[in-house]
Amino acid sequence: MENSNDTAKLVGAVVVGALIGATLGVLFAPDSGSATRSKLMDGAGDLADNLKKKVREGADAIRNKVDEYTNMAEEKVDEVLNGSRQKTETRKP
């Protein structure tokens, strides 16, 4: 029981600290609300652009690997088929 009481105190302290920090941040913010919102939107847009870029790069890398493995598989199939044909031709009288 003592652990859950300590955990509750810790969570309460963290919540109170976060509220105090947020309040002080708003009170001492150097920009107006609209400027702050604009900065947040610009930052979110940059984050979204970076995420899109990373996803595209990852998709391109996967596409290249798929192409590479497809080519390797086609080469192996050709090798097997050619080997089978050669064996069949050498067995004919």
N, C-alpha and C. Protein backbone atom coordinates (compact mmCIF):
# COMPACT_ATOMS: atom_id res chain seq x y z
N MET A 1 0.81 -1.20 0.00
CA MET A 1 0.00 0.00 0.00
C MET A 1 0.85 1.26 0.00
N GLU A 2 1.99 1.16 0.64
CA GLU A 2 2.85 2.33 0.74
C GLU A 2 3.40 2.73 -0.63
N ASN A 3 3.68 1.73 -1.51
CA ASN A 3 4.19 2.02 -2.85
C ASN A 3 3.17 2.77 -3.69
N SER A 4 1.90 2.37 -3.61
CA SER A 4 0.89 3.06 -4.41
C SER A 4 0.68 4.48 -3.91
N ASN A 5 0.83 4.71 -2.61
CA ASN A 5 0.71 6.05 -2.05
C ASN A 5 1.86 6.92 -2.54
N ASP A 6 3.08 6.36 -2.57
CA ASP A 6 4.23 7.10 -3.07
C ASP A 6 4.09 7.41 -4.55
N THR A 7 3.56 6.44 -5.30
CA THR A 7 3.35 6.63 -6.74
C THR A 7 2.33 7.75 -6.98
N ALA A 8 1.27 7.77 -6.20
CA ALA A 8 0.25 8.80 -6.35
C ALA A 8 0.83 10.18 -6.04
N LYS A 9 1.67 10.25 -5.02
CA LYS A 9 2.31 11.53 -4.69
C LYS A 9 3.23 11.98 -5.82
N LEU A 10 3.97 11.04 -6.39
CA LEU A 10 4.88 11.37 -7.49
C LEU A 10 4.10 11.88 -8.71
N VAL A 11 3.04 11.17 -9.05
CA VAL A 11 2.23 11.58 -10.21
C VAL A 11 1.62 12.95 -9.95
N GLY A 12 1.12 13.17 -8.74
CA GLY A 12 0.55 14.47 -8.40
C GLY A 12 1.58 15.58 -8.51
N ALA A 13 2.79 15.33 -8.04
CA ALA A 13 3.86 16.33 -8.11
C ALA A 13 4.23 16.64 -9.56
N VAL A 14 4.27 15.60 -10.40
CA VAL A 14 4.60 15.81 -11.81
C VAL A 14 3.51 16.64 -12.50
N VAL A 15 2.26 16.35 -12.21
CA VAL A 15 1.15 17.09 -12.81
C VAL A 15 1.19 18.55 -12.37
N VAL A 16 1.38 18.78 -11.08
CA VAL A 16 1.45 20.15 -10.57
C VAL A 16 2.63 20.89 -11.20
N GLY A 17 3.78 20.22 -11.29
CA GLY A 17 4.95 20.84 -11.91
C GLY A 17 4.71 21.20 -13.37
N ALA A 18 4.04 20.31 -14.09
CA ALA A 18 3.73 20.58 -15.50
C ALA A 18 2.80 21.77 -15.63
N LEU A 19 1.80 21.85 -14.76
CA LEU A 19 0.87 22.98 -14.82
C LEU A 19 1.58 24.30 -14.49
N ILE A 20 2.42 24.28 -13.50
CA ILE A 20 3.17 25.49 -13.14
C ILE A 20 4.09 25.90 -14.29
N GLY A 21 4.77 24.92 -14.90
CA GLY A 21 5.66 25.21 -16.02
C GLY A 21 4.92 25.78 -17.21
N ALA A 22 3.76 25.20 -17.52
CA ALA A 22 2.97 25.70 -18.64
C ALA A 22 2.48 27.12 -18.38
N THR A 23 2.04 27.37 -17.15
CA THR A 23 1.57 28.70 -16.80
C THR A 23 2.69 29.73 -16.92
N LEU A 24 3.85 29.40 -16.39
CA LEU A 24 4.98 30.33 -16.48
C LEU A 24 5.42 30.54 -17.93
N GLY A 25 5.36 29.48 -18.72
CA GLY A 25 5.72 29.60 -20.13
C GLY A 25 4.82 30.55 -20.87
N VAL A 26 3.53 30.47 -20.59
CA VAL A 26 2.58 31.36 -21.25
C VAL A 26 2.76 32.80 -20.76
N LEU A 27 2.98 32.96 -19.46
CA LEU A 27 3.12 34.31 -18.91
C LEU A 27 4.37 35.02 -19.42
N PHE A 28 5.44 34.28 -19.59
CA PHE A 28 6.70 34.90 -19.99
C PHE A 28 7.06 34.66 -21.45
N ALA A 29 6.12 34.22 -22.25
CA ALA A 29 6.37 33.98 -23.67
C ALA A 29 6.71 35.30 -24.36
N PRO A 30 7.77 35.30 -25.18
CA PRO A 30 8.17 36.54 -25.83
C PRO A 30 7.26 36.96 -26.99
N ASP A 31 6.49 36.05 -27.52
CA ASP A 31 5.65 36.35 -28.68
C ASP A 31 4.18 36.37 -28.27
N SER A 32 3.39 37.00 -29.13
CA SER A 32 1.95 36.98 -28.92
C SER A 32 1.40 35.59 -29.21
N GLY A 33 0.17 35.36 -28.86
CA GLY A 33 -0.44 34.05 -29.10
C GLY A 33 -0.47 33.67 -30.56
N SER A 34 -0.79 34.63 -31.42
CA SER A 34 -0.85 34.32 -32.86
C SER A 34 0.54 33.99 -33.40
N ALA A 35 1.55 34.70 -32.93
CA ALA A 35 2.92 34.41 -33.38
C ALA A 35 3.37 33.04 -32.88
N THR A 36 3.02 32.71 -31.65
CA THR A 36 3.38 31.40 -31.10
C THR A 36 2.67 30.29 -31.88
N ARG A 37 1.38 30.48 -32.16
CA ARG A 37 0.65 29.48 -32.94
C ARG A 37 1.25 29.34 -34.33
N SER A 38 1.66 30.45 -34.92
CA SER A 38 2.28 30.41 -36.24
C SER A 38 3.58 29.61 -36.21
N LYS A 39 4.37 29.85 -35.18
CA LYS A 39 5.63 29.09 -35.04
C LYS A 39 5.35 27.60 -34.86
N LEU A 40 4.34 27.29 -34.05
CA LEU A 40 3.99 25.89 -33.84
C LEU A 40 3.53 25.24 -35.15
N MET A 41 2.74 25.96 -35.93
CA MET A 41 2.26 25.41 -37.20
C MET A 41 3.41 25.22 -38.19
N ASP A 42 4.34 26.20 -38.21
CA ASP A 42 5.51 26.07 -39.09
C ASP A 42 6.35 24.86 -38.67
N GLY A 43 6.53 24.70 -37.38
CA GLY A 43 7.30 23.56 -36.88
C GLY A 43 6.61 22.24 -37.20
N ALA A 44 5.28 22.21 -37.07
CA ALA A 44 4.53 21.00 -37.39
C ALA A 44 4.63 20.71 -38.89
N GLY A 45 4.58 21.76 -39.71
CA GLY A 45 4.72 21.57 -41.16
C GLY A 45 6.09 21.03 -41.52
N ASP A 46 7.13 21.56 -40.88
CA ASP A 46 8.49 21.06 -41.13
C ASP A 46 8.62 19.60 -40.70
N LEU A 47 8.03 19.27 -39.56
CA LEU A 47 8.06 17.90 -39.07
C LEU A 47 7.36 16.97 -40.05
N ALA A 48 6.21 17.40 -40.56
CA ALA A 48 5.47 16.59 -41.53
C ALA A 48 6.27 16.42 -42.81
N ASP A 49 6.92 17.48 -43.28
CA ASP A 49 7.73 17.39 -44.49
C ASP A 49 8.89 16.41 -44.29
N ASN A 50 9.55 16.51 -43.15
CA ASN A 50 10.66 15.59 -42.87
C ASN A 50 10.18 14.15 -42.80
N LEU A 51 9.02 13.94 -42.19
CA LEU A 51 8.47 12.60 -42.08
C LEU A 51 8.14 12.05 -43.46
N LYS A 52 7.53 12.88 -44.31
CA LYS A 52 7.21 12.45 -45.68
C LYS A 52 8.47 12.08 -46.43
N LYS A 53 9.53 12.87 -46.27
CA LYS A 53 10.79 12.61 -46.95
C LYS A 53 11.37 11.27 -46.50
N LYS A 54 11.35 11.03 -45.20
CA LYS A 54 11.89 9.77 -44.67
C LYS A 54 11.07 8.57 -45.17
N VAL A 55 9.75 8.73 -45.22
CA VAL A 55 8.90 7.64 -45.71
C VAL A 55 9.20 7.36 -47.17
N ARG A 56 9.35 8.43 -47.97
CA ARG A 56 9.69 8.24 -49.39
C ARG A 56 11.02 7.54 -49.55
N GLU A 57 12.02 7.97 -48.76
CA GLU A 57 13.33 7.35 -48.84
C GLU A 57 13.26 5.88 -48.46
N GLY A 58 12.50 5.57 -47.42
CA GLY A 58 12.34 4.17 -47.01
C GLY A 58 11.63 3.35 -48.07
N ALA A 59 10.59 3.92 -48.67
CA ALA A 59 9.86 3.22 -49.72
C ALA A 59 10.76 2.98 -50.93
N ASP A 60 11.58 3.97 -51.28
CA ASP A 60 12.50 3.80 -52.40
C ASP A 60 13.52 2.70 -52.11
N ALA A 61 14.02 2.67 -50.89
CA ALA A 61 15.00 1.64 -50.52
C ALA A 61 14.36 0.26 -50.59
N ILE A 62 13.13 0.14 -50.12
CA ILE A 62 12.43 -1.15 -50.17
C ILE A 62 12.18 -1.55 -51.62
N ARG A 63 11.75 -0.58 -52.43
CA ARG A 63 11.49 -0.86 -53.85
C ARG A 63 12.77 -1.34 -54.55
N ASN A 64 13.89 -0.72 -54.24
CA ASN A 64 15.17 -1.13 -54.84
C ASN A 64 15.54 -2.54 -54.42
N LYS A 65 15.33 -2.87 -53.15
CA LYS A 65 15.64 -4.22 -52.68
C LYS A 65 14.74 -5.25 -53.34
N VAL A 66 13.46 -4.92 -53.49
CA VAL A 66 12.53 -5.84 -54.15
C VAL A 66 12.97 -6.07 -55.59
N ASP A 67 13.35 -5.01 -56.28
CA ASP A 67 13.84 -5.16 -57.66
C ASP A 67 15.09 -6.03 -57.70
N GLU A 68 15.99 -5.80 -56.77
CA GLU A 68 17.23 -6.58 -56.71
C GLU A 68 16.94 -8.06 -56.50
N TYR A 69 16.06 -8.37 -55.54
CA TYR A 69 15.73 -9.77 -55.27
C TYR A 69 14.93 -10.40 -56.40
N THR A 70 14.10 -9.61 -57.06
CA THR A 70 13.36 -10.12 -58.21
C THR A 70 14.32 -10.51 -59.33
N ASN A 71 15.30 -9.66 -59.60
CA ASN A 71 16.29 -9.97 -60.62
C ASN A 71 17.09 -11.21 -60.26
N MET A 72 17.47 -11.33 -58.98
CA MET A 72 18.21 -12.50 -58.55
C MET A 72 17.37 -13.77 -58.72
N ALA A 73 16.09 -13.69 -58.38
CA ALA A 73 15.21 -14.85 -58.52
C ALA A 73 15.04 -15.23 -59.99
N GLU A 74 14.89 -14.23 -60.85
CA GLU A 74 14.76 -14.52 -62.29
C GLU A 74 16.02 -15.18 -62.83
N GLU A 75 17.18 -14.73 -62.39
CA GLU A 75 18.44 -15.34 -62.83
C GLU A 75 18.53 -16.79 -62.37
N LYS A 76 18.12 -17.05 -61.13
CA LYS A 76 18.16 -18.43 -60.62
C LYS A 76 17.20 -19.33 -61.38
N VAL A 77 16.01 -18.81 -61.69
CA VAL A 77 15.04 -19.59 -62.45
C VAL A 77 15.62 -19.90 -63.84
N ASP A 78 16.23 -18.93 -64.47
CA ASP A 78 16.86 -19.15 -65.79
C ASP A 78 17.95 -20.20 -65.69
N GLU A 79 18.77 -20.12 -64.64
CA GLU A 79 19.85 -21.10 -64.46
C GLU A 79 19.28 -22.51 -64.31
N VAL A 80 18.22 -22.65 -63.52
CA VAL A 80 17.62 -23.96 -63.30
C VAL A 80 17.01 -24.48 -64.60
N LEU A 81 16.29 -23.62 -65.31
CA LEU A 81 15.67 -24.05 -66.57
C LEU A 81 16.72 -24.42 -67.60
N ASN A 82 17.77 -23.62 -67.71
CA ASN A 82 18.83 -23.93 -68.67
C ASN A 82 19.55 -25.21 -68.29
N GLY A 83 19.77 -25.42 -67.01
CA GLY A 83 20.41 -26.65 -66.55
C GLY A 83 19.54 -27.86 -66.84
N SER A 84 18.23 -27.72 -66.67
CA SER A 84 17.32 -28.83 -66.95
C SER A 84 17.29 -29.13 -68.44
N ARG A 85 17.30 -28.11 -69.27
CA ARG A 85 17.30 -28.31 -70.72
C ARG A 85 18.57 -29.01 -71.18
N GLN A 86 19.69 -28.58 -70.62
CA GLN A 86 20.97 -29.21 -71.00
C GLN A 86 21.00 -30.66 -70.61
N LYS A 87 20.51 -31.00 -69.43
CA LYS A 87 20.47 -32.40 -69.00
C LYS A 87 19.56 -33.21 -69.88
N THR A 88 18.42 -32.65 -70.26
CA THR A 88 17.47 -33.33 -71.11
C THR A 88 18.06 -33.56 -72.49
N GLU A 89 18.76 -32.57 -73.03
CA GLU A 89 19.36 -32.68 -74.36
C GLU A 89 20.50 -33.69 -74.37
N THR A 90 21.27 -33.78 -73.32
CA THR A 90 22.39 -34.72 -73.29
C THR A 90 21.90 -36.15 -73.12
N ARG A 91 20.70 -36.36 -72.59
CA ARG A 91 20.17 -37.71 -72.41
C ARG A 91 19.50 -38.25 -73.67
N LYS A 92 19.16 -37.38 -74.62
CA LYS A 92 18.51 -37.84 -75.85
C LYS A 92 19.52 -38.61 -76.69
N PRO A 93 19.05 -39.76 -77.24
CA PRO A 93 19.97 -40.57 -78.08
C PRO A 93 20.24 -40.00 -79.43
